[in-house]
Amino acid sequence: MSVTVSIKVRRELVELADKMVRYGIARSRSHAFNIMIEKGLESVRREVMFWEEVYRKTEEYKKKGYRIRHGGLTKLLEEERSR
């Protein structure tokens, strides 16, 4: 059973939660905070940094003219999350 609580957190943690949602690591901010609590902050930071780099490199390759196959990145994301 879920229970709603209201807490204040550092802006850095909210930004991290937003990145987790953006990169598909979490479904929502609430889900992101639950993951942070369960996995630990450092583990989450490493995962977000990994996916930031994946997205950054993907954009670089697109700018260089490489074609990114539709769904390829999504498949990688799903495989990584299933571990």
PDB file of N, CA and C in Angstrom:
ATOM      1  N   MET A   1       0.844  -1.169   0.000  1.00  0.00           N
ATOM      2  CA  MET A   1       0.000   0.000   0.000  1.00  0.00           C
ATOM      3  C   MET A   1       0.888   1.232   0.000  1.00  0.00           C
ATOM      4  N   SER A   2       0.583   2.192  -0.851  1.00  0.00           N
ATOM      5  CA  SER A   2       1.328   3.446  -0.920  1.00  0.00           C
ATOM      6  C   SER A   2       0.715   4.475   0.006  1.00  0.00           C
ATOM      7  N   VAL A   3       1.579   5.298   0.558  1.00  0.00           N
ATOM      8  CA  VAL A   3       1.147   6.374   1.432  1.00  0.00           C
ATOM      9  C   VAL A   3       1.791   7.656   0.923  1.00  0.00           C
ATOM     10  N   THR A   4       1.022   8.717   0.827  1.00  0.00           N
ATOM     11  CA  THR A   4       1.541   9.994   0.365  1.00  0.00           C
ATOM     12  C   THR A   4       2.166  10.742   1.526  1.00  0.00           C
ATOM     13  N   VAL A   5       3.388  11.242   1.305  1.00  0.00           N
ATOM     14  CA  VAL A   5       4.063  12.081   2.290  1.00  0.00           C
ATOM     15  C   VAL A   5       4.615  13.301   1.579  1.00  0.00           C
ATOM     16  N   SER A   6       4.725  14.373   2.298  1.00  0.00           N
ATOM     17  CA  SER A   6       5.270  15.603   1.737  1.00  0.00           C
ATOM     18  C   SER A   6       6.598  15.886   2.426  1.00  0.00           C
ATOM     19  N   ILE A   7       7.661  16.005   1.627  1.00  0.00           N
ATOM     20  CA  ILE A   7       8.982  16.279   2.199  1.00  0.00           C
ATOM     21  C   ILE A   7       9.673  17.358   1.390  1.00  0.00           C
ATOM     22  N   LYS A   8      10.644  18.019   2.011  1.00  0.00           N
ATOM     23  CA  LYS A   8      11.483  18.967   1.294  1.00  0.00           C
ATOM     24  C   LYS A   8      12.793  18.266   0.973  1.00  0.00           C
ATOM     25  N   VAL A   9      13.247  18.441  -0.270  1.00  0.00           N
ATOM     26  CA  VAL A   9      14.518  17.848  -0.687  1.00  0.00           C
ATOM     27  C   VAL A   9      15.346  18.910  -1.396  1.00  0.00           C
ATOM     28  N   ARG A  10      16.629  18.648  -1.483  1.00  0.00           N
ATOM     29  CA  ARG A  10      17.514  19.579  -2.193  1.00  0.00           C
ATOM     30  C   ARG A  10      17.129  19.629  -3.670  1.00  0.00           C
ATOM     31  N   ARG A  11      17.313  20.803  -4.269  1.00  0.00           N
ATOM     32  CA  ARG A  11      17.008  20.995  -5.694  1.00  0.00           C
ATOM     33  C   ARG A  11      17.750  19.968  -6.549  1.00  0.00           C
ATOM     34  N   GLU A  12      18.962  19.635  -6.156  1.00  0.00           N
ATOM     35  CA  GLU A  12      19.777  18.658  -6.881  1.00  0.00           C
ATOM     36  C   GLU A  12      19.047  17.321  -7.006  1.00  0.00           C
ATOM     37  N   LEU A  13      18.340  16.909  -5.963  1.00  0.00           N
ATOM     38  CA  LEU A  13      17.620  15.637  -5.998  1.00  0.00           C
ATOM     39  C   LEU A  13      16.396  15.711  -6.906  1.00  0.00           C
ATOM     40  N   VAL A  14      15.736  16.860  -6.925  1.00  0.00           N
ATOM     41  CA  VAL A  14      14.586  17.029  -7.831  1.00  0.00           C
ATOM     42  C   VAL A  14      15.075  16.988  -9.278  1.00  0.00           C
ATOM     43  N   GLU A  15      16.207  17.646  -9.548  1.00  0.00           N
ATOM     44  CA  GLU A  15      16.765  17.623 -10.906  1.00  0.00           C
ATOM     45  C   GLU A  15      17.156  16.208 -11.302  1.00  0.00           C
ATOM     46  N   LEU A  16      17.712  15.456 -10.361  1.00  0.00           N
ATOM     47  CA  LEU A  16      18.064  14.062 -10.637  1.00  0.00           C
ATOM     48  C   LEU A  16      16.804  13.239 -10.918  1.00  0.00           C
ATOM     49  N   ALA A  17      15.758  13.452 -10.142  1.00  0.00           N
ATOM     50  CA  ALA A  17      14.488  12.751 -10.362  1.00  0.00           C
ATOM     51  C   ALA A  17      13.922  13.086 -11.739  1.00  0.00           C
ATOM     52  N   ASP A  18      13.995  14.353 -12.126  1.00  0.00           N
ATOM     53  CA  ASP A  18      13.503  14.762 -13.449  1.00  0.00           C
ATOM     54  C   ASP A  18      14.296  14.085 -14.567  1.00  0.00           C
ATOM     55  N   LYS A  19      15.599  13.963 -14.390  1.00  0.00           N
ATOM     56  CA  LYS A  19      16.426  13.280 -15.393  1.00  0.00           C
ATOM     57  C   LYS A  19      16.057  11.798 -15.467  1.00  0.00           C
ATOM     58  N   MET A  20      15.781  11.201 -14.315  1.00  0.00           N
ATOM     59  CA  MET A  20      15.390   9.789 -14.309  1.00  0.00           C
ATOM     60  C   MET A  20      14.113   9.581 -15.107  1.00  0.00           C
ATOM     61  N   VAL A  21      13.186  10.515 -14.991  1.00  0.00           N
ATOM     62  CA  VAL A  21      11.942  10.427 -15.764  1.00  0.00           C
ATOM     63  C   VAL A  21      12.237  10.659 -17.238  1.00  0.00           C
ATOM     64  N   ARG A  22      13.048  11.681 -17.554  1.00  0.00           N
ATOM     65  CA  ARG A  22      13.384  12.012 -18.941  1.00  0.00           C
ATOM     66  C   ARG A  22      14.036  10.837 -19.655  1.00  0.00           C
ATOM     67  N   TYR A  23      14.935  10.118 -18.977  1.00  0.00           N
ATOM     68  CA  TYR A  23      15.657   9.015 -19.601  1.00  0.00           C
ATOM     69  C   TYR A  23      14.939   7.679 -19.464  1.00  0.00           C
ATOM     70  N   GLY A  24      13.746   7.696 -18.895  1.00  0.00           N
ATOM     71  CA  GLY A  24      12.957   6.473 -18.827  1.00  0.00           C
ATOM     72  C   GLY A  24      13.358   5.525 -17.706  1.00  0.00           C
ATOM     73  N   ILE A  25      14.174   6.011 -16.772  1.00  0.00           N
ATOM     74  CA  ILE A  25      14.575   5.181 -15.637  1.00  0.00           C
ATOM     75  C   ILE A  25      13.408   5.048 -14.659  1.00  0.00           C
ATOM     76  N   ALA A  26      12.600   6.106 -14.574  1.00  0.00           N
ATOM     77  CA  ALA A  26      11.445   6.112 -13.665  1.00  0.00           C
ATOM     78  C   ALA A  26      10.222   6.624 -14.418  1.00  0.00           C
ATOM     79  N   ARG A  27       9.042   6.209 -13.970  1.00  0.00           N
ATOM     80  CA  ARG A  27       7.793   6.622 -14.618  1.00  0.00           C
ATOM     81  C   ARG A  27       7.340   8.008 -14.176  1.00  0.00           C
ATOM     82  N   SER A  28       7.760   8.425 -12.988  1.00  0.00           N
ATOM     83  CA  SER A  28       7.327   9.699 -12.421  1.00  0.00           C
ATOM     84  C   SER A  28       8.355  10.136 -11.379  1.00  0.00           C
ATOM     85  N   ARG A  29       8.207  11.375 -10.894  1.00  0.00           N
ATOM     86  CA  ARG A  29       9.088  11.833  -9.823  1.00  0.00           C
ATOM     87  C   ARG A  29       8.942  10.939  -8.594  1.00  0.00           C
ATOM     88  N   SER A  30       7.710  10.605  -8.270  1.00  0.00           N
ATOM     89  CA  SER A  30       7.457   9.755  -7.112  1.00  0.00           C
ATOM     90  C   SER A  30       8.185   8.424  -7.266  1.00  0.00           C
ATOM     91  N   HIS A  31       8.079   7.836  -8.441  1.00  0.00           N
ATOM     92  CA  HIS A  31       8.764   6.581  -8.720  1.00  0.00           C
ATOM     93  C   HIS A  31      10.273   6.778  -8.609  1.00  0.00           C
ATOM     94  N   ALA A  32      10.773   7.906  -9.121  1.00  0.00           N
ATOM     95  CA  ALA A  32      12.208   8.213  -9.064  1.00  0.00           C
ATOM     96  C   ALA A  32      12.696   8.272  -7.616  1.00  0.00           C
ATOM     97  N   PHE A  33      11.953   8.957  -6.751  1.00  0.00           N
ATOM     98  CA  PHE A  33      12.358   9.048  -5.350  1.00  0.00           C
ATOM     99  C   PHE A  33      12.329   7.682  -4.672  1.00  0.00           C
ATOM    100  N   ASN A  34      11.368   6.858  -5.015  1.00  0.00           N
ATOM    101  CA  ASN A  34      11.327   5.507  -4.458  1.00  0.00           C
ATOM    102  C   ASN A  34      12.545   4.701  -4.900  1.00  0.00           C
ATOM    103  N   ILE A  35      12.941   4.849  -6.164  1.00  0.00           N
ATOM    104  CA  ILE A  35      14.135   4.157  -6.664  1.00  0.00           C
ATOM    105  C   ILE A  35      15.367   4.654  -5.916  1.00  0.00           C
ATOM    106  N   MET A  36      15.467   5.975  -5.729  1.00  0.00           N
ATOM    107  CA  MET A  36      16.613   6.535  -5.002  1.00  0.00           C
ATOM    108  C   MET A  36      16.704   5.945  -3.603  1.00  0.00           C
ATOM    109  N   ILE A  37      15.581   5.826  -2.951  1.00  0.00           N
ATOM    110  CA  ILE A  37      15.554   5.291  -1.592  1.00  0.00           C
ATOM    111  C   ILE A  37      15.962   3.810  -1.598  1.00  0.00           C
ATOM    112  N   GLU A  38      15.418   3.053  -2.550  1.00  0.00           N
ATOM    113  CA  GLU A  38      15.669   1.615  -2.577  1.00  0.00           C
ATOM    114  C   GLU A  38      17.073   1.261  -3.060  1.00  0.00           C
ATOM    115  N   LYS A  39      17.547   1.948  -4.112  1.00  0.00           N
ATOM    116  CA  LYS A  39      18.850   1.624  -4.689  1.00  0.00           C
ATOM    117  C   LYS A  39      19.993   2.384  -4.035  1.00  0.00           C
ATOM    118  N   GLY A  40      19.709   3.529  -3.504  1.00  0.00           N
ATOM    119  CA  GLY A  40      20.757   4.383  -2.967  1.00  0.00           C
ATOM    120  C   GLY A  40      21.117   5.457  -3.975  1.00  0.00           C
ATOM    121  N   LEU A  41      21.439   6.614  -3.471  1.00  0.00           N
ATOM    122  CA  LEU A  41      21.673   7.788  -4.304  1.00  0.00           C
ATOM    123  C   LEU A  41      22.846   7.614  -5.267  1.00  0.00           C
ATOM    124  N   GLU A  42      23.947   7.063  -4.805  1.00  0.00           N
ATOM    125  CA  GLU A  42      25.120   6.936  -5.679  1.00  0.00           C
ATOM    126  C   GLU A  42      24.854   5.989  -6.842  1.00  0.00           C
ATOM    127  N   SER A  43      24.143   4.922  -6.591  1.00  0.00           N
ATOM    128  CA  SER A  43      23.801   3.985  -7.650  1.00  0.00           C
ATOM    129  C   SER A  43      22.943   4.673  -8.715  1.00  0.00           C
ATOM    130  N   VAL A  44      21.990   5.468  -8.269  1.00  0.00           N
ATOM    131  CA  VAL A  44      21.111   6.190  -9.190  1.00  0.00           C
ATOM    132  C   VAL A  44      21.902   7.223  -9.976  1.00  0.00           C
ATOM    133  N   ARG A  45      22.788   7.946  -9.306  1.00  0.00           N
ATOM    134  CA  ARG A  45      23.612   8.948 -10.013  1.00  0.00           C
ATOM    135  C   ARG A  45      24.430   8.301 -11.118  1.00  0.00           C
ATOM    136  N   ARG A  46      25.030   7.149 -10.839  1.00  0.00           N
ATOM    137  CA  ARG A  46      25.824   6.451 -11.866  1.00  0.00           C
ATOM    138  C   ARG A  46      24.953   6.050 -13.057  1.00  0.00           C
ATOM    139  N   GLU A  47      23.749   5.554 -12.784  1.00  0.00           N
ATOM    140  CA  GLU A  47      22.855   5.138 -13.864  1.00  0.00           C
ATOM    141  C   GLU A  47      22.433   6.328 -14.719  1.00  0.00           C
ATOM    142  N   VAL A  48      22.100   7.445 -14.076  1.00  0.00           N
ATOM    143  CA  VAL A  48      21.703   8.644 -14.817  1.00  0.00           C
ATOM    144  C   VAL A  48      22.877   9.150 -15.652  1.00  0.00           C
ATOM    145  N   MET A  49      24.076   9.169 -15.098  1.00  0.00           N
ATOM    146  CA  MET A  49      25.251   9.622 -15.852  1.00  0.00           C
ATOM    147  C   MET A  49      25.474   8.739 -17.078  1.00  0.00           C
ATOM    148  N   PHE A  50      25.289   7.432 -16.923  1.00  0.00           N
ATOM    149  CA  PHE A  50      25.437   6.512 -18.043  1.00  0.00           C
ATOM    150  C   PHE A  50      24.467   6.874 -19.166  1.00  0.00           C
ATOM    151  N   TRP A  51      23.180   7.064 -18.807  1.00  0.00           N
ATOM    152  CA  TRP A  51      22.176   7.335 -19.830  1.00  0.00           C
ATOM    153  C   TRP A  51      22.315   8.731 -20.416  1.00  0.00           C
ATOM    154  N   GLU A  52      22.807   9.690 -19.636  1.00  0.00           N
ATOM    155  CA  GLU A  52      23.089  11.019 -20.196  1.00  0.00           C
ATOM    156  C   GLU A  52      24.133  10.900 -21.298  1.00  0.00           C
ATOM    157  N   GLU A  53      25.156  10.100 -21.045  1.00  0.00           N
ATOM    158  CA  GLU A  53      26.211   9.898 -22.031  1.00  0.00           C
ATOM    159  C   GLU A  53      25.677   9.188 -23.274  1.00  0.00           C
ATOM    160  N   VAL A  54      24.816   8.192 -23.091  1.00  0.00           N
ATOM    161  CA  VAL A  54      24.221   7.491 -24.232  1.00  0.00           C
ATOM    162  C   VAL A  54      23.443   8.474 -25.104  1.00  0.00           C
ATOM    163  N   TYR A  55      22.609   9.296 -24.476  1.00  0.00           N
ATOM    164  CA  TYR A  55      21.817  10.266 -25.233  1.00  0.00           C
ATOM    165  C   TYR A  55      22.708  11.311 -25.909  1.00  0.00           C
ATOM    166  N   ARG A  56      23.745  11.765 -25.204  1.00  0.00           N
ATOM    167  CA  ARG A  56      24.659  12.762 -25.775  1.00  0.00           C
ATOM    168  C   ARG A  56      25.360  12.195 -27.008  1.00  0.00           C
ATOM    169  N   LYS A  57      25.859  10.975 -26.902  1.00  0.00           N
ATOM    170  CA  LYS A  57      26.553  10.350 -28.039  1.00  0.00           C
ATOM    171  C   LYS A  57      25.596  10.108 -29.200  1.00  0.00           C
ATOM    172  N   THR A  58      24.373   9.715 -28.893  1.00  0.00           N
ATOM    173  CA  THR A  58      23.378   9.505 -29.942  1.00  0.00           C
ATOM    174  C   THR A  58      23.153  10.792 -30.725  1.00  0.00           C
ATOM    175  N   GLU A  59      23.029  11.906 -30.020  1.00  0.00           N
ATOM    176  CA  GLU A  59      22.840  13.196 -30.688  1.00  0.00           C
ATOM    177  C   GLU A  59      24.060  13.560 -31.531  1.00  0.00           C
ATOM    178  N   GLU A  60      25.256  13.282 -31.032  1.00  0.00           N
ATOM    179  CA  GLU A  60      26.483  13.547 -31.798  1.00  0.00           C
ATOM    180  C   GLU A  60      26.480  12.747 -33.100  1.00  0.00           C
ATOM    181  N   TYR A  61      26.119  11.471 -33.007  1.00  0.00           N
ATOM    182  CA  TYR A  61      26.096  10.628 -34.200  1.00  0.00           C
ATOM    183  C   TYR A  61      25.049  11.109 -35.200  1.00  0.00           C
ATOM    184  N   LYS A  62      23.911  11.546 -34.719  1.00  0.00           N
ATOM    185  CA  LYS A  62      22.880  12.091 -35.618  1.00  0.00           C
ATOM    186  C   LYS A  62      23.416  13.299 -36.361  1.00  0.00           C
ATOM    187  N   LYS A  63      24.117  14.190 -35.651  1.00  0.00           N
ATOM    188  CA  LYS A  63      24.677  15.393 -36.271  1.00  0.00           C
ATOM    189  C   LYS A  63      25.742  15.046 -37.302  1.00  0.00           C
ATOM    190  N   LYS A  64      26.433  13.922 -37.111  1.00  0.00           N
ATOM    191  CA  LYS A  64      27.459  13.487 -38.052  1.00  0.00           C
ATOM    192  C   LYS A  64      26.864  12.766 -39.255  1.00  0.00           C
ATOM    193  N   GLY A  65      25.534  12.579 -39.236  1.00  0.00           N
ATOM    194  CA  GLY A  65      24.878  11.967 -40.383  1.00  0.00           C
ATOM    195  C   GLY A  65      24.569  10.492 -40.235  1.00  0.00           C
ATOM    196  N   TYR A  66      24.891   9.910 -39.108  1.00  0.00           N
ATOM    197  CA  TYR A  66      24.545   8.509 -38.902  1.00  0.00           C
ATOM    198  C   TYR A  66      23.043   8.383 -38.725  1.00  0.00           C
ATOM    199  N   ARG A  67      22.506   7.313 -39.267  1.00  0.00           N
ATOM    200  CA  ARG A  67      21.080   7.038 -39.077  1.00  0.00           C
ATOM    201  C   ARG A  67      20.913   6.167 -37.853  1.00  0.00           C
ATOM    202  N   ILE A  68      20.054   6.591 -36.972  1.00  0.00           N
ATOM    203  CA  ILE A  68      19.756   5.811 -35.777  1.00  0.00           C
ATOM    204  C   ILE A  68      18.480   5.031 -36.069  1.00  0.00           C
ATOM    205  N   ARG A  69      18.594   3.699 -36.010  1.00  0.00           N
ATOM    206  CA  ARG A  69      17.426   2.866 -36.285  1.00  0.00           C
ATOM    207  C   ARG A  69      16.347   3.114 -35.250  1.00  0.00           C
ATOM    208  N   HIS A  70      15.143   3.277 -35.719  1.00  0.00           N
ATOM    209  CA  HIS A  70      14.009   3.512 -34.822  1.00  0.00           C
ATOM    210  C   HIS A  70      13.852   2.346 -33.868  1.00  0.00           C
ATOM    211  N   GLY A  71      13.773   2.653 -32.585  1.00  0.00           N
ATOM    212  CA  GLY A  71      13.560   1.619 -31.584  1.00  0.00           C
ATOM    213  C   GLY A  71      14.832   1.014 -31.041  1.00  0.00           C
ATOM    214  N   GLY A  72      15.965   1.305 -31.651  1.00  0.00           N
ATOM    215  CA  GLY A  72      17.222   0.725 -31.189  1.00  0.00           C
ATOM    216  C   GLY A  72      17.580   1.171 -29.787  1.00  0.00           C
ATOM    217  N   LEU A  73      17.445   2.461 -29.510  1.00  0.00           N
ATOM    218  CA  LEU A  73      17.762   2.977 -28.191  1.00  0.00           C
ATOM    219  C   LEU A  73      16.745   2.492 -27.171  1.00  0.00           C
ATOM    220  N   THR A  74      15.495   2.419 -27.563  1.00  0.00           N
ATOM    221  CA  THR A  74      14.456   1.931 -26.656  1.00  0.00           C
ATOM    222  C   THR A  74      14.752   0.498 -26.239  1.00  0.00           C
ATOM    223  N   LYS A  75      15.210  -0.323 -27.187  1.00  0.00           N
ATOM    224  CA  LYS A  75      15.540  -1.712 -26.875  1.00  0.00           C
ATOM    225  C   LYS A  75      16.687  -1.773 -25.869  1.00  0.00           C
ATOM    226  N   LEU A  76      17.705  -0.932 -26.070  1.00  0.00           N
ATOM    227  CA  LEU A  76      18.814  -0.873 -25.119  1.00  0.00           C
ATOM    228  C   LEU A  76      18.328  -0.486 -23.731  1.00  0.00           C
ATOM    229  N   LEU A  77      17.465   0.521 -23.667  1.00  0.00           N
ATOM    230  CA  LEU A  77      16.928   0.979 -22.389  1.00  0.00           C
ATOM    231  C   LEU A  77      16.177  -0.143 -21.688  1.00  0.00           C
ATOM    232  N   GLU A  78      15.355  -0.861 -22.433  1.00  0.00           N
ATOM    233  CA  GLU A  78      14.573  -1.942 -21.839  1.00  0.00           C
ATOM    234  C   GLU A  78      15.481  -3.063 -21.334  1.00  0.00           C
ATOM    235  N   GLU A  79      16.524  -3.392 -22.101  1.00  0.00           N
ATOM    236  CA  GLU A  79      17.453  -4.444 -21.686  1.00  0.00           C
ATOM    237  C   GLU A  79      18.172  -4.025 -20.406  1.00  0.00           C
ATOM    238  N   GLU A  80      18.629  -2.774 -20.334  1.00  0.00           N
ATOM    239  CA  GLU A  80      19.352  -2.291 -19.170  1.00  0.00           C
ATOM    240  C   GLU A  80      18.447  -2.311 -17.932  1.00  0.00           C
ATOM    241  N   ARG A  81      17.193  -1.906 -18.087  1.00  0.00           N
ATOM    242  CA  ARG A  81      16.272  -1.848 -16.946  1.00  0.00           C
ATOM    243  C   ARG A  81      15.920  -3.243 -16.433  1.00  0.00           C
ATOM    244  N   SER A  82      15.978  -4.255 -17.305  1.00  0.00           N
ATOM    245  CA  SER A  82      15.587  -5.600 -16.889  1.00  0.00           C
ATOM    246  C   SER A  82      16.675  -6.284 -16.061  1.00  0.00           C
ATOM    247  N   ARG A  83      17.869  -5.703 -16.007  1.00  0.00           N
ATOM    248  CA  ARG A  83      18.974  -6.295 -15.228  1.00  0.00           C
ATOM    249  C   ARG A  83      18.769  -6.116 -13.756  1.00  0.00           C
TER     250      ARG A  83
END
